[in-house]
Each structure stands twice: as structure tokens, then as C-alpha cells.
Amino acid sequence: QVQVVESGGGLVQPGGSLRLSCVTSGFTFSKYVMSWYRQIPGKERELLAVNSGGQTSYVDSVKGRFTMSRDNAKRTVYLQMNSLKPEDTAVYYCNAGFTQEYWGQGTQVTVSS
């Protein structure tokens, strides 16, 4: 059974940090491209970062503030988010893609004073 489970969201003040985790099971993790997305209500889901072949790329809006990392032994990816802004408020999703595509249920991040 495939599982993709995000955690680590919460309420943080502007300028603060959070670390999201995405723990997976049920598929050959090392072969999959892993990505982080976010979605604001009423808007399309936005791709933030992609890890593939040992390299990670970022969308411009988070470059320099967010860092994605991957631990194949733990079947887990992380998203370290620093210098958070109110506009980073969203539900954050983990995605696994290769022969099939899997999504987690999302974790809410709220940046507010």
C-alpha cells in the first residue's frame, strides 16, 4: 500500500522557519522524482522544488529561502523553509512521480503575526 505523509506544518511568525517532512512507503522511492508543491485556496497548485538524479531545482519565489533534501534510506524528503513570508501561507504537498504519481494529504503552513 502506497503512503505519502507530510508533516511539520503549523503557525509561524514572518521571518521564521519550518521544516516539513514527507515520509513514504509502498513504492521504490529511490527511482522516483520527488517534488514539493503548495496550494492557496482558490488557486492552482504551485510547484516549488524538484529533486531528481541527485539535483534539486527551485521556483524563483522560494529560491534562496527553501531547501529540499532527500534521504533514500529513510524514504523521506524534507523542505526546510526559512525567512517565511505571509504569502507562503498555503497547504504544502509532497509528490512522487515515475511510473505512477502519488500525492500526500498536505500539511497546512500559516505565516502570520
C-alpha atoms as a PDB file:
ATOM      1  CA  GLN A   1       0.000   0.000   0.000  1.00  0.00           C
ATOM      2  CA  VAL A   2       1.394   3.357  -1.058  1.00  0.00           C
ATOM      3  CA  GLN A   3       1.617   6.034   1.592  1.00  0.00           C
ATOM      4  CA  VAL A   4       2.852   9.607   1.271  1.00  0.00           C
ATOM      5  CA  VAL A   5       2.544  11.525   4.529  1.00  0.00           C
ATOM      6  CA  GLU A   6       3.544  15.122   5.079  1.00  0.00           C
ATOM      7  CA  SER A   7       4.098  16.657   8.487  1.00  0.00           C
ATOM      8  CA  GLY A   8       5.716  19.647  10.127  1.00  0.00           C
ATOM      9  CA  GLY A   9       3.308  22.400   9.182  1.00  0.00           C
ATOM     10  CA  GLY A  10       1.959  24.916  11.630  1.00  0.00           C
ATOM     11  CA  LEU A  11       1.726  28.571  12.552  1.00  0.00           C
ATOM     12  CA  VAL A  12       4.900  30.646  12.359  1.00  0.00           C
ATOM     13  CA  GLN A  13       5.652  34.356  12.502  1.00  0.00           C
ATOM     14  CA  PRO A  14       7.007  36.205   9.464  1.00  0.00           C
ATOM     15  CA  GLY A  15      10.742  35.663   9.215  1.00  0.00           C
ATOM     16  CA  GLY A  16      10.501  32.329  10.979  1.00  0.00           C
ATOM     17  CA  SER A  17      11.344  28.820   9.842  1.00  0.00           C
ATOM     18  CA  LEU A  18       9.654  25.459   9.488  1.00  0.00           C
ATOM     19  CA  ARG A  19      10.855  22.073   8.341  1.00  0.00           C
ATOM     20  CA  LEU A  20       8.401  19.863   6.513  1.00  0.00           C
ATOM     21  CA  SER A  21       8.856  16.109   6.200  1.00  0.00           C
ATOM     22  CA  CYS A  22       7.362  13.669   3.725  1.00  0.00           C
ATOM     23  CA  VAL A  23       7.607  10.010   4.682  1.00  0.00           C
ATOM     24  CA  THR A  24       6.757   7.430   2.043  1.00  0.00           C
ATOM     25  CA  SER A  25       6.202   3.701   1.653  1.00  0.00           C
ATOM     26  CA  GLY A  26       4.896   1.206  -0.866  1.00  0.00           C
ATOM     27  CA  PHE A  27       6.972   2.126  -3.912  1.00  0.00           C
ATOM     28  CA  THR A  28      10.628   2.145  -4.984  1.00  0.00           C
ATOM     29  CA  PHE A  29      11.439   5.532  -3.515  1.00  0.00           C
ATOM     30  CA  SER A  30      14.940   5.864  -4.966  1.00  0.00           C
ATOM     31  CA  LYS A  31      13.618   5.699  -8.513  1.00  0.00           C
ATOM     32  CA  TYR A  32      11.045   8.409  -8.068  1.00  0.00           C
ATOM     33  CA  VAL A  33      11.301  12.105  -8.766  1.00  0.00           C
ATOM     34  CA  MET A  34      10.210  13.864  -5.580  1.00  0.00           C
ATOM     35  CA  SER A  35       8.673  17.306  -5.528  1.00  0.00           C
ATOM     36  CA  TRP A  36       7.119  19.808  -3.173  1.00  0.00           C
ATOM     37  CA  TYR A  37       4.049  21.820  -4.159  1.00  0.00           C
ATOM     38  CA  ARG A  38       1.783  24.257  -2.376  1.00  0.00           C
ATOM     39  CA  GLN A  39      -1.753  25.415  -2.910  1.00  0.00           C
ATOM     40  CA  ILE A  40      -3.569  28.528  -1.758  1.00  0.00           C
ATOM     41  CA  PRO A  41      -7.371  28.209  -1.654  1.00  0.00           C
ATOM     42  CA  GLY A  42      -8.872  29.242  -4.974  1.00  0.00           C
ATOM     43  CA  LYS A  43      -5.551  28.987  -6.805  1.00  0.00           C
ATOM     44  CA  GLU A  44      -3.782  26.278  -8.770  1.00  0.00           C
ATOM     45  CA  ARG A  45      -1.257  24.034  -7.095  1.00  0.00           C
ATOM     46  CA  GLU A  46       2.220  25.543  -7.485  1.00  0.00           C
ATOM     47  CA  LEU A  47       5.412  23.553  -7.990  1.00  0.00           C
ATOM     48  CA  LEU A  48       8.137  24.681  -5.572  1.00  0.00           C
ATOM     49  CA  ALA A  49      11.049  22.256  -5.797  1.00  0.00           C
ATOM     50  CA  VAL A  50      12.001  19.087  -7.653  1.00  0.00           C
ATOM     51  CA  ASN A  51      14.628  16.534  -6.692  1.00  0.00           C
ATOM     52  CA  SER A  52      15.784  14.181  -9.417  1.00  0.00           C
ATOM     53  CA  GLY A  53      19.048  12.432 -10.149  1.00  0.00           C
ATOM     54  CA  GLY A  54      20.704  13.978  -7.121  1.00  0.00           C
ATOM     55  CA  GLN A  55      19.900  17.517  -8.154  1.00  0.00           C
ATOM     56  CA  THR A  56      17.273  19.910  -6.907  1.00  0.00           C
ATOM     57  CA  SER A  57      15.721  22.857  -8.697  1.00  0.00           C
ATOM     58  CA  TYR A  58      13.520  25.583  -7.245  1.00  0.00           C
ATOM     59  CA  VAL A  59      10.934  28.034  -8.421  1.00  0.00           C
ATOM     60  CA  ASP A  60      12.170  31.627  -8.223  1.00  0.00           C
ATOM     61  CA  SER A  61       9.752  32.614  -5.449  1.00  0.00           C
ATOM     62  CA  VAL A  62      11.415  30.260  -2.944  1.00  0.00           C
ATOM     63  CA  LYS A  63      14.984  30.095  -4.269  1.00  0.00           C
ATOM     64  CA  GLY A  64      17.442  31.018  -1.537  1.00  0.00           C
ATOM     65  CA  ARG A  65      14.841  30.606   1.221  1.00  0.00           C
ATOM     66  CA  PHE A  66      13.687  26.987   0.859  1.00  0.00           C
ATOM     67  CA  THR A  67      15.922  23.929   0.720  1.00  0.00           C
ATOM     68  CA  MET A  68      14.748  20.483  -0.319  1.00  0.00           C
ATOM     69  CA  SER A  69      16.673  17.430   0.793  1.00  0.00           C
ATOM     70  CA  ARG A  70      16.246  13.708   0.364  1.00  0.00           C
ATOM     71  CA  ASP A  71      17.149  10.639   2.403  1.00  0.00           C
ATOM     72  CA  ASN A  72      16.699   7.498   0.313  1.00  0.00           C
ATOM     73  CA  ALA A  73      17.454   5.225   3.266  1.00  0.00           C
ATOM     74  CA  LYS A  74      14.552   6.770   5.199  1.00  0.00           C
ATOM     75  CA  ARG A  75      12.352   7.127   2.094  1.00  0.00           C
ATOM     76  CA  THR A  76      11.838  10.708   3.147  1.00  0.00           C
ATOM     77  CA  VAL A  77      12.136  14.170   1.664  1.00  0.00           C
ATOM     78  CA  TYR A  78      12.307  17.394   3.592  1.00  0.00           C
ATOM     79  CA  LEU A  79      11.609  21.022   2.890  1.00  0.00           C
ATOM     80  CA  GLN A  80      13.469  23.493   5.081  1.00  0.00           C
ATOM     81  CA  MET A  81      11.698  26.829   4.852  1.00  0.00           C
ATOM     82  CA  ASN A  82      13.443  29.953   6.135  1.00  0.00           C
ATOM     83  CA  SER A  83      12.585  33.653   6.061  1.00  0.00           C
ATOM     84  CA  LEU A  84       8.922  32.792   5.761  1.00  0.00           C
ATOM     85  CA  LYS A  85       6.508  35.419   4.469  1.00  0.00           C
ATOM     86  CA  PRO A  86       2.728  35.747   4.845  1.00  0.00           C
ATOM     87  CA  GLU A  87       2.410  34.896   1.153  1.00  0.00           C
ATOM     88  CA  ASP A  88       3.937  31.490   1.884  1.00  0.00           C
ATOM     89  CA  THR A  89       0.724  30.575   3.694  1.00  0.00           C
ATOM     90  CA  ALA A  90      -0.687  27.515   1.911  1.00  0.00           C
ATOM     91  CA  VAL A  91      -1.201  23.791   2.108  1.00  0.00           C
ATOM     92  CA  TYR A  92       2.070  22.086   1.219  1.00  0.00           C
ATOM     93  CA  TYR A  93       2.061  18.786  -0.656  1.00  0.00           C
ATOM     94  CA  CYS A  94       4.644  16.133  -1.404  1.00  0.00           C
ATOM     95  CA  ASN A  95       4.583  14.432  -4.801  1.00  0.00           C
ATOM     96  CA  ALA A  96       6.275  11.276  -6.062  1.00  0.00           C
ATOM     97  CA  GLY A  97       6.464  10.701  -9.791  1.00  0.00           C
ATOM     98  CA  PHE A  98       7.860   7.988 -12.029  1.00  0.00           C
ATOM     99  CA  THR A  99       5.799   5.151 -13.471  1.00  0.00           C
ATOM    100  CA  GLN A 100       2.911   6.419 -11.361  1.00  0.00           C
ATOM    101  CA  GLU A 101       2.186   9.586  -9.446  1.00  0.00           C
ATOM    102  CA  TYR A 102       1.423   9.772  -5.748  1.00  0.00           C
ATOM    103  CA  TRP A 103       0.336  12.671  -3.554  1.00  0.00           C
ATOM    104  CA  GLY A 104       0.184  13.192   0.169  1.00  0.00           C
ATOM    105  CA  GLN A 105      -2.736  14.746   2.011  1.00  0.00           C
ATOM    106  CA  GLY A 106      -0.912  18.018   2.603  1.00  0.00           C
ATOM    107  CA  THR A 107       0.161  19.981   5.652  1.00  0.00           C
ATOM    108  CA  GLN A 108      -1.011  23.500   6.435  1.00  0.00           C
ATOM    109  CA  VAL A 109       1.558  26.259   6.820  1.00  0.00           C
ATOM    110  CA  THR A 110       0.345  29.598   8.135  1.00  0.00           C
ATOM    111  CA  VAL A 111       2.684  32.591   8.321  1.00  0.00           C
ATOM    112  CA  SER A 112       1.169  35.326  10.427  1.00  0.00           C
ATOM    113  CA  SER A 113       1.991  37.644  13.288  1.00  0.00           C
END
